Every structure is written in C-alpha cells, then in structure tokens.
Amino acid sequence: MDFLFVINQALGVALSPTTAAYALAAIGIGVHFGYAGLLNFGQAGFMAIGAYAFGITTLSLDFPFPLAFLSAIVASVVFALILGIPTLRLRADYLAIVTIAAAEIVRYIVSTTGLSSVTGGASGLSAFARSFQSFNPLPGGSYGFGPWTYSRAEFWVFLWGWGLVAIATVIVWLLMRSPWGRVVKGIREDEDAVRSLGKNVYAYKMQALVLGGVFGSLAGVIFILPRAIQPTNYATTLTFFTWTILLLGGAATVFGPIIGSMIFWVLLVLTEGVIGGLVRADVITFLDTTQAGQIRFVLLGLALILLVVFRPQGIFGNKKELSFNV
C-alpha cells in the first residue's frame, strides 16, 4: 500500500472546496445552535435551496453569476422565514421537527418527475458553473504546491469557497462581540429573562435563523461548483455530517467549525485510504472494498460518541461558554 499517496490525498482534502462548504454550513449551524440555541436539523435543506436557486437561475433564467449568487441568498431568507414564522414562538423542539421535515420536503420536490424540466428531477442539474468561471480573472496554469495543487478553474472555486468562510467567520466574530450577540447568547441561556428585559426574543431568533440559513445557502453554492447538483446529496446524512463537524470543533466557537471540517474530512479520507489499502493488500481478509468504505463511518460514529462523553464542548470549546446541551 502506498502510504504516501494516502497521506497526500488526505492532506489535499483539508483545503478542498468541499471542506470549505461544510465549514460554512457548520458556521451557520453554529449561529443557530451554538449562539442562539436553535435546533436546526435541516441545514441540508438550506444547502439545497441555495444550490438549486443558483443552478436554476443560471440555466433557466440565464442570470449572470452575481445575480444568481444573490438569488441563492434571497431564496434562503424566504425559506428561513417560512420555517421560522410558525415555529419560533414555540419550544425549540418544534423547530427541530419542522426543519428536518422541511429539508426532506425540499429534496423530494426537486427530485420529482413533474419538475424535471426545471430542477432536472432525479438526474439533477449540471453545466451551471460556466457563468461562474466566466468571471475567473486568473491566468492559465496550475496554482499551489504539493497536495494543494489546483488548476485555474479549481483555484477559482477554492478562492471563493475559503473567501466566503473567512467573511462568515469575521461576521460571526464581530456580531458575537456586539450588543446583538450578547442578546442572542442570553436567549440561548434563558429567553424568559431576556424577554423580561424588554427584548423582542422572537425577532432576535428570526434574525439568527436567517443569518445561519444564508451561510447554509452559500455553502450549498460552493458545494456544487466543482460538481453537478444531485438531489441525493441533500439527504439527512449531509446535516449529520455538518453537526458532527460543529460538535467536533466546538458549538460556540468562531474557528471550531473550520478546524472541525478539516479534521473531519482528513480523518474520513485517511481511514478510507488506509482500510481500503489493507483490504486490497489482503492484510484484512474479512472485508471487501465496499465494506471497507463503510467501516470509516462506524469509526467516525465511535469517535463522536467518545467526544460527546468526554469533551461535550468540542475540541476548541470553552466549558464555561457552552457544553453539549444548551
């Protein structure tokens, strides 16, 4: 087994656009859960809304990239309002039920045969990245070094993905040190106490839901730029991965979702490469290559259990700030 190849492959994914997309989605859940105490189990729905809004407006309406990008933001705001208006006045578990159901509804709607002329049905959408690449100012050639070497098109996606992660991180950092952030964190701890001070708890919750949803929608755009839009990608597994990344890094931390995403994907690719290599080398004989690919998720689940038991605030979390249950 070529261990050097496996290690290079794992290190390369640490800075991939997919890792950036998951980091951005985790930042959104961090705003929802880590700071505002909102249980959003449907971040995959926000990512699907952003992806399809971008793809449909590009292909069907011939929007240029900036306008299609803006349409993804608008669509996520509308989606957040639809989810939040009937639920945010109720207990937190109602929002959890609504969001996970809404994400599945979105996935089934975009994959239905009746809308295949617009959404592509079960086949999804492709060829929408041409508008994005038409704004690429980079000269031809390769960029980066070692496992982080990219073509011109790949590096343009890389810059946009990690640029949005950086912008989202700065926004969260500034907001959580502002009066708005202090009110939101107060709602997380005891919303009745905040309400008794004359604050509109419902409005603050809605603002947090919209902000985290916008980050999720932009994550959906970054997620599809290197690939096609496939409705199967937006199952509950996507939300599970995002929550795992958040809890791994720390729910109420600024940089936790970013580092958590990097660690998550490096470990996932590394374990797949090592176990698969050992199977192909006949060192492990009781598994086939398909089973070897699933074992990594078993190991990931065990690691998450141990994390929740022994360090519930995450790797970078502050126990005084927030533990696993808010």
Protein backbone atom coordinates (compact mmCIF):
# COMPACT_ATOMS: atom_id res chain seq x y z
CA MET A 1 0.00 0.00 0.00
CA ASP A 2 1.27 3.45 -0.93
CA PHE A 3 1.01 5.27 2.42
CA LEU A 4 2.49 8.45 0.95
CA PHE A 5 -0.29 8.62 -1.64
CA VAL A 6 -2.95 8.07 1.04
CA ILE A 7 -1.46 10.79 3.27
CA ASN A 8 -1.20 13.25 0.35
CA GLN A 9 -4.79 12.54 -0.60
CA ALA A 10 -5.95 13.14 2.99
CA LEU A 11 -3.94 16.37 3.31
CA GLY A 12 -5.24 17.59 -0.05
CA VAL A 13 -8.86 17.35 1.06
CA ALA A 14 -8.15 19.55 4.12
CA LEU A 15 -8.33 22.68 1.94
CA SER A 16 -10.73 21.46 -0.74
CA PRO A 17 -13.84 23.47 -1.71
CA THR A 18 -15.98 20.65 -0.26
CA THR A 19 -14.30 21.14 3.12
CA ALA A 20 -14.92 24.88 2.83
CA ALA A 21 -18.60 24.26 2.02
CA TYR A 22 -19.06 22.05 5.06
CA ALA A 23 -17.21 24.57 7.24
CA LEU A 24 -19.53 27.34 6.04
CA ALA A 25 -22.62 25.19 6.69
CA ALA A 26 -21.29 24.37 10.17
CA ILE A 27 -20.76 28.08 10.86
CA GLY A 28 -24.44 28.55 10.02
CA ILE A 29 -25.49 25.85 12.48
CA GLY A 30 -23.10 27.40 14.98
CA VAL A 31 -25.09 30.63 14.76
CA HIS A 32 -28.33 28.67 15.16
CA PHE A 33 -27.39 26.22 17.90
CA GLY A 34 -24.15 27.42 19.42
CA TYR A 35 -25.12 31.05 19.92
CA ALA A 36 -28.92 31.28 19.66
CA GLY A 37 -29.86 27.82 20.97
CA LEU A 38 -31.97 26.99 17.89
CA LEU A 39 -32.15 23.29 16.97
CA ASN A 40 -31.85 23.27 13.19
CA PHE A 41 -31.77 19.69 11.90
CA GLY A 42 -32.40 20.73 8.32
CA GLN A 43 -29.24 22.51 7.19
CA ALA A 44 -29.25 20.23 4.16
CA GLY A 45 -32.47 21.97 3.15
CA PHE A 46 -30.80 25.39 3.22
CA MET A 47 -27.89 24.00 1.19
CA ALA A 48 -30.32 22.51 -1.35
CA ILE A 49 -32.24 25.79 -1.59
CA GLY A 50 -29.04 27.72 -2.29
CA ALA A 51 -27.76 25.17 -4.80
CA TYR A 52 -30.98 24.92 -6.78
CA ALA A 53 -31.65 28.67 -6.68
CA PHE A 54 -28.19 29.22 -8.13
CA GLY A 55 -28.45 26.43 -10.70
CA ILE A 56 -31.99 27.18 -11.88
CA THR A 57 -31.48 30.93 -12.24
CA THR A 58 -28.26 30.31 -14.15
CA LEU A 59 -29.62 27.67 -16.54
CA SER A 60 -33.31 28.56 -16.93
CA LEU A 61 -33.23 32.33 -16.45
CA ASP A 62 -29.72 32.93 -17.83
CA PHE A 63 -28.72 35.02 -14.81
CA PRO A 64 -25.07 36.14 -14.63
CA PHE A 65 -23.08 34.77 -11.70
CA PRO A 66 -23.51 37.78 -9.33
CA LEU A 67 -27.30 37.80 -9.80
CA ALA A 68 -27.57 34.01 -9.44
CA PHE A 69 -25.45 34.22 -6.29
CA LEU A 70 -27.77 36.90 -4.90
CA SER A 71 -30.82 34.79 -5.76
CA ALA A 72 -29.44 31.98 -3.58
CA ILE A 73 -29.25 34.39 -0.65
CA VAL A 74 -32.79 35.68 -1.24
CA ALA A 75 -34.14 32.13 -1.52
CA SER A 76 -32.54 31.16 1.80
CA VAL A 77 -34.03 34.21 3.54
CA VAL A 78 -37.51 33.30 2.26
CA PHE A 79 -37.02 29.68 3.31
CA ALA A 80 -35.91 30.74 6.80
CA LEU A 81 -38.96 33.00 7.17
CA ILE A 82 -41.27 30.17 6.10
CA LEU A 83 -39.73 27.89 8.71
CA GLY A 84 -39.39 30.47 11.47
CA ILE A 85 -42.69 32.34 11.43
CA PRO A 86 -44.84 29.41 12.64
CA THR A 87 -42.26 27.79 14.96
CA LEU A 88 -40.03 30.32 16.72
CA ARG A 89 -42.73 31.35 19.17
CA LEU A 90 -42.94 27.72 20.30
CA ARG A 91 -40.48 25.39 22.06
CA ALA A 92 -37.14 24.59 20.46
CA ASP A 93 -38.10 21.01 19.61
CA TYR A 94 -40.80 22.25 17.23
CA LEU A 95 -38.15 23.98 15.13
CA ALA A 96 -36.11 20.76 15.08
CA ILE A 97 -39.10 18.77 13.79
CA VAL A 98 -40.03 21.39 11.20
CA THR A 99 -36.50 21.83 9.84
CA ILE A 100 -35.76 18.14 9.37
CA ALA A 101 -39.14 17.65 7.70
CA ALA A 102 -38.71 20.74 5.51
CA ALA A 103 -35.30 19.56 4.30
CA GLU A 104 -36.80 16.25 3.21
CA ILE A 105 -39.74 18.03 1.54
CA VAL A 106 -37.32 20.18 -0.46
CA ARG A 107 -35.34 17.11 -1.53
CA TYR A 108 -38.44 15.26 -2.69
CA ILE A 109 -39.84 18.30 -4.50
CA VAL A 110 -36.69 18.94 -6.56
CA SER A 111 -36.38 15.26 -7.46
CA THR A 112 -39.98 14.83 -8.63
CA THR A 113 -40.52 13.96 -12.28
CA GLY A 114 -43.07 16.74 -12.82
CA LEU A 115 -40.41 19.41 -12.27
CA SER A 116 -37.62 17.72 -14.22
CA SER A 117 -37.66 20.47 -16.87
CA VAL A 118 -36.65 22.97 -14.18
CA THR A 119 -34.85 21.01 -11.46
CA GLY A 120 -33.58 18.11 -13.56
CA GLY A 121 -35.56 15.61 -11.48
CA ALA A 122 -33.57 12.69 -10.11
CA SER A 123 -30.75 13.45 -12.56
CA GLY A 124 -30.14 16.91 -11.11
CA LEU A 125 -28.51 19.84 -12.91
CA SER A 126 -25.11 20.40 -14.48
CA ALA A 127 -23.21 22.87 -16.67
CA PHE A 128 -24.19 25.82 -14.47
CA ALA A 129 -20.61 26.62 -13.46
CA ARG A 130 -19.78 28.21 -16.84
CA SER A 131 -21.26 31.52 -15.67
CA PHE A 132 -19.13 31.36 -12.53
CA GLN A 133 -15.96 30.54 -14.46
CA SER A 134 -16.62 33.35 -16.93
CA PHE A 135 -15.74 35.76 -14.09
CA ASN A 136 -12.43 33.99 -13.47
CA PRO A 137 -9.63 36.59 -13.82
CA LEU A 138 -6.79 34.14 -13.15
CA PRO A 139 -4.32 33.32 -15.94
CA GLY A 140 -3.97 29.73 -17.10
CA GLY A 141 -1.69 27.26 -15.36
CA SER A 142 -1.52 25.50 -12.00
CA TYR A 143 -1.61 27.04 -8.54
CA GLY A 144 -0.42 25.86 -5.16
CA PHE A 145 2.08 23.17 -4.23
CA GLY A 146 2.24 19.53 -3.17
CA PRO A 147 -1.18 18.03 -2.35
CA TRP A 148 -2.68 21.50 -2.65
CA THR A 149 -2.12 21.96 -6.39
CA TYR A 150 -5.10 23.24 -8.39
CA SER A 151 -5.93 24.08 -11.96
CA ARG A 152 -7.12 27.56 -12.90
CA ALA A 153 -10.80 26.61 -12.56
CA GLU A 154 -10.28 24.68 -9.33
CA PHE A 155 -8.33 27.51 -7.74
CA TRP A 156 -11.10 29.99 -8.57
CA VAL A 157 -13.57 27.78 -6.68
CA PHE A 158 -11.00 27.44 -3.87
CA LEU A 159 -10.69 31.22 -3.55
CA TRP A 160 -14.44 31.74 -3.46
CA GLY A 161 -15.06 28.91 -1.01
CA TRP A 162 -12.47 29.86 1.57
CA GLY A 163 -13.08 33.56 0.96
CA LEU A 164 -16.73 33.10 1.98
CA VAL A 165 -15.63 31.08 5.01
CA ALA A 166 -13.31 33.94 6.03
CA ILE A 167 -16.06 36.55 5.56
CA ALA A 168 -18.58 34.47 7.53
CA THR A 169 -16.04 33.97 10.32
CA VAL A 170 -15.39 37.70 10.60
CA ILE A 171 -19.13 38.45 10.58
CA VAL A 172 -19.79 35.96 13.38
CA TRP A 173 -16.79 37.19 15.37
CA LEU A 174 -17.97 40.80 15.16
CA LEU A 175 -21.63 40.03 15.82
CA MET A 176 -20.98 37.90 18.88
CA ARG A 177 -18.99 40.72 20.44
CA SER A 178 -21.72 43.26 19.73
CA PRO A 179 -24.86 44.01 21.78
CA TRP A 180 -26.82 41.88 19.30
CA GLY A 181 -24.60 38.88 20.01
CA ARG A 182 -24.91 39.31 23.76
CA VAL A 183 -28.71 39.34 23.49
CA VAL A 184 -28.68 36.22 21.29
CA LYS A 185 -26.45 34.35 23.75
CA GLY A 186 -28.72 35.50 26.55
CA ILE A 187 -31.67 33.97 24.69
CA ARG A 188 -29.73 30.72 24.44
CA GLU A 189 -29.28 30.64 28.20
CA ASP A 190 -32.68 31.94 29.38
CA GLU A 191 -35.05 33.53 26.92
CA ASP A 192 -37.60 34.39 29.62
CA ALA A 193 -35.01 36.52 31.40
CA VAL A 194 -34.16 38.33 28.16
CA ARG A 195 -37.85 38.85 27.44
CA SER A 196 -38.32 40.36 30.90
CA LEU A 197 -35.72 42.99 29.94
CA GLY A 198 -37.97 44.17 27.11
CA LYS A 199 -36.16 42.48 24.22
CA ASN A 200 -38.12 41.02 21.31
CA VAL A 201 -36.93 37.42 21.61
CA TYR A 202 -38.90 36.31 18.55
CA ALA A 203 -37.23 38.92 16.33
CA TYR A 204 -33.74 38.02 17.54
CA LYS A 205 -34.39 34.33 16.96
CA MET A 206 -35.64 35.07 13.46
CA GLN A 207 -32.56 37.14 12.66
CA ALA A 208 -30.28 34.34 13.87
CA LEU A 209 -32.23 31.77 11.84
CA VAL A 210 -31.96 33.90 8.71
CA LEU A 211 -28.24 34.57 9.17
CA GLY A 212 -27.35 30.92 9.72
CA GLY A 213 -29.60 29.93 6.83
CA VAL A 214 -27.82 32.34 4.48
CA PHE A 215 -24.49 30.76 5.43
CA GLY A 216 -26.00 27.35 4.71
CA SER A 217 -27.29 28.51 1.33
CA LEU A 218 -23.90 29.91 0.34
CA ALA A 219 -22.35 26.62 1.45
CA GLY A 220 -24.73 24.90 -0.96
CA VAL A 221 -23.46 27.09 -3.81
CA ILE A 222 -19.81 26.35 -3.02
CA PHE A 223 -20.62 22.65 -2.65
CA ILE A 224 -21.95 22.35 -6.22
CA LEU A 225 -19.40 24.46 -8.10
CA PRO A 226 -16.91 21.57 -8.53
CA ARG A 227 -19.70 19.07 -9.32
CA ALA A 228 -23.28 18.67 -10.53
CA ILE A 229 -26.40 19.17 -8.41
CA GLN A 230 -27.73 15.79 -7.29
CA PRO A 231 -30.83 15.65 -5.06
CA THR A 232 -29.49 12.54 -3.31
CA ASN A 233 -26.67 14.67 -1.87
CA TYR A 234 -29.15 16.55 0.32
CA ALA A 235 -30.34 13.68 2.49
CA THR A 236 -30.21 13.84 6.28
CA THR A 237 -26.66 12.45 6.10
CA LEU A 238 -25.48 15.88 4.96
CA THR A 239 -26.96 17.53 8.05
CA PHE A 240 -25.47 14.79 10.24
CA PHE A 241 -22.00 15.44 8.82
CA THR A 242 -22.39 19.16 9.43
CA TRP A 243 -23.48 18.65 13.03
CA THR A 244 -20.56 16.26 13.57
CA ILE A 245 -18.17 18.94 12.30
CA LEU A 246 -19.72 21.55 14.59
CA LEU A 247 -19.57 19.35 17.69
CA LEU A 248 -16.05 18.25 16.81
CA GLY A 249 -14.71 21.79 16.66
CA GLY A 250 -16.93 23.37 19.30
CA ALA A 251 -20.51 24.62 19.07
CA ALA A 252 -19.98 28.15 20.40
CA THR A 253 -16.60 28.90 18.85
CA VAL A 254 -15.61 31.05 15.90
CA PHE A 255 -12.90 28.85 14.42
CA GLY A 256 -14.23 25.49 15.67
CA PRO A 257 -16.37 24.75 12.57
CA ILE A 258 -13.42 25.45 10.25
CA ILE A 259 -10.92 23.25 12.09
CA GLY A 260 -13.64 20.68 12.70
CA SER A 261 -14.36 20.45 8.97
CA MET A 262 -10.69 20.00 8.16
CA ILE A 263 -10.21 17.29 10.81
CA PHE A 264 -13.44 15.54 9.79
CA TRP A 265 -12.55 15.24 6.10
CA VAL A 266 -8.89 14.40 6.65
CA LEU A 267 -9.83 11.58 9.00
CA LEU A 268 -12.59 10.35 6.70
CA VAL A 269 -10.32 10.19 3.65
CA LEU A 270 -7.37 8.85 5.65
CA THR A 271 -9.31 5.98 7.21
CA GLU A 272 -10.87 5.07 3.87
CA GLY A 273 -7.46 5.04 2.19
CA VAL A 274 -5.76 3.01 4.92
CA ILE A 275 -8.53 0.43 5.37
CA GLY A 276 -9.11 0.13 1.62
CA GLY A 277 -5.37 -0.29 1.02
CA LEU A 278 -5.11 -3.01 3.65
CA VAL A 279 -8.06 -4.84 2.09
CA ARG A 280 -6.55 -4.67 -1.40
CA ALA A 281 -3.21 -5.87 0.01
CA ASP A 282 -5.01 -8.87 1.60
CA VAL A 283 -3.89 -7.80 5.07
CA ILE A 284 -7.57 -7.53 6.03
CA THR A 285 -9.35 -10.54 4.54
CA PHE A 286 -12.75 -10.42 6.26
CA LEU A 287 -13.86 -7.25 4.42
CA ASP A 288 -14.30 -6.30 0.78
CA THR A 289 -13.60 -2.83 -0.61
CA THR A 290 -17.27 -1.77 -0.34
CA GLN A 291 -17.44 -2.77 3.31
CA ALA A 292 -14.11 -1.06 3.95
CA GLY A 293 -15.63 2.22 2.76
CA GLN A 294 -18.46 1.89 5.30
CA ILE A 295 -16.20 0.99 8.23
CA ARG A 296 -14.93 4.58 8.29
CA PHE A 297 -18.41 5.79 9.23
CA VAL A 298 -18.51 3.27 12.09
CA LEU A 299 -15.19 4.63 13.33
CA LEU A 300 -16.49 8.17 12.92
CA GLY A 301 -19.58 7.34 14.97
CA LEU A 302 -17.47 5.84 17.74
CA ALA A 303 -15.24 8.92 17.77
CA LEU A 304 -18.31 11.19 18.05
CA ILE A 305 -19.66 9.13 20.97
CA LEU A 306 -16.35 9.43 22.80
CA LEU A 307 -16.24 13.16 22.08
CA VAL A 308 -19.73 13.75 23.47
CA VAL A 309 -18.95 11.68 26.57
CA PHE A 310 -15.50 13.02 27.43
CA ARG A 311 -15.45 16.51 25.86
CA PRO A 312 -19.01 17.65 25.14
CA GLN A 313 -17.98 21.23 24.40
CA GLY A 314 -15.84 20.08 21.45
CA ILE A 315 -12.13 20.25 20.87
CA PHE A 316 -11.90 24.04 20.93
CA GLY A 317 -14.98 24.79 23.00
CA ASN A 318 -14.96 26.55 26.34
CA LYS A 319 -16.82 24.64 29.05
CA LYS A 320 -17.71 27.94 30.74
CA GLU A 321 -19.23 29.20 27.48
CA LEU A 322 -21.21 26.19 26.37
CA SER A 323 -21.43 22.45 26.79
CA PHE A 324 -23.25 20.00 24.53
CA ASN A 325 -26.76 20.73 25.77
CA VAL A 326 -27.90 24.33 25.87
